[in-house]
Protein backbone atom coordinates (compact mmCIF):
# COMPACT_ATOMS: atom_id res chain seq x y z
CA MET A 1 144.69 156.60 99.16
CA SER A 2 146.99 158.85 96.57
CA LEU A 3 146.34 162.29 95.86
CA CYS A 4 147.33 163.79 92.50
CA LEU A 5 146.90 167.61 91.62
CA ILE A 6 146.42 168.01 87.86
CA GLU A 7 146.70 171.26 86.48
CA ASP A 8 146.32 171.94 82.54
CA GLY A 9 145.90 168.06 82.02
CA GLN A 10 149.23 167.04 83.67
CA PRO A 11 149.94 166.15 86.70
CA VAL A 12 152.12 168.48 89.08
CA PHE A 13 152.40 167.05 92.87
CA ALA A 14 151.03 163.55 94.50
CA MET A 15 151.27 162.12 97.53
CA VAL A 16 150.48 159.10 99.28
CA TYR A 17 148.51 158.57 102.82
CA ASP A 18 148.54 155.89 104.34
CA ALA A 19 145.62 154.58 106.21
CA TYR A 20 147.46 152.29 108.80
CA ARG A 21 148.93 155.35 110.12
CA LYS A 22 145.76 157.40 110.67
CA GLU A 23 146.59 159.38 107.64
CA PHE A 24 143.26 159.97 106.06
CA PHE A 25 142.22 163.07 108.18
CA HIS A 26 144.88 164.96 106.18
CA ALA A 27 144.03 163.61 102.82
CA ILE A 28 140.47 164.55 103.19
CA ARG A 29 141.15 167.64 104.54
CA PHE A 30 143.69 167.97 101.75
CA VAL A 31 140.82 167.63 99.47
CA GLN A 32 138.15 169.82 100.90
CA GLU A 33 141.27 172.52 100.79
CA ALA A 34 141.29 172.33 97.04
CA GLN A 35 137.43 172.53 96.87
CA GLY A 36 136.99 169.02 96.51
CA SER A 37 135.08 166.18 98.28
CA VAL A 38 135.61 162.99 99.52
CA THR A 39 132.61 160.53 98.98
CA ASP A 40 132.12 156.82 99.16
CA LEU A 41 131.64 154.60 95.92
CA ASN A 42 127.44 155.66 95.94
CA GLY A 43 128.05 159.28 96.43
CA GLY A 44 127.46 159.15 100.40
CA ALA A 45 129.79 160.46 102.89
CA PHE A 46 133.24 158.53 102.96
CA THR A 47 133.44 156.63 106.44
CA TRP A 48 135.73 154.26 107.86
CA GLY A 49 134.22 150.77 106.64
CA ALA A 50 133.07 152.15 103.12
CA SER A 51 134.21 150.22 100.52
CA GLY A 52 135.53 152.67 98.51
CA ILE A 53 136.32 155.85 98.16
CA ILE A 54 136.39 158.62 95.72
CA ALA A 55 138.34 162.06 95.75
CA GLY A 56 138.27 164.97 93.52
CA ASN A 57 136.31 168.50 92.43
CA GLU A 58 132.19 167.51 91.89
CA ALA A 59 132.82 167.10 88.15
CA LEU A 60 135.55 164.64 88.18
CA ARG A 61 134.38 162.91 91.42
CA ALA A 62 130.86 162.11 89.88
CA GLU A 63 132.23 160.81 86.41
CA ILE A 64 134.61 158.56 88.33
CA GLN A 65 131.77 157.43 90.35
CA THR A 66 129.35 156.48 87.01
CA LEU A 67 132.17 154.95 85.62
CA LEU A 68 132.82 152.82 88.75
CA THR A 69 129.33 152.06 88.92
CA ARG A 70 128.18 150.73 85.84
């Protein structure tokens, strides 16, 4: 999972979490602390085995979900 913090339309910070090193908990917590959410491609709760992951603030997450499920 790659996360990128955007401020004023510009990337200012990025990090990559490795699922094989059990780092997803930290990635999800990071997103939640930034007032975002993490869901599967259908907007449901992200769980192991989900067929996709979308993370971001609600407006961005919803727009990405719409684009991916067209």
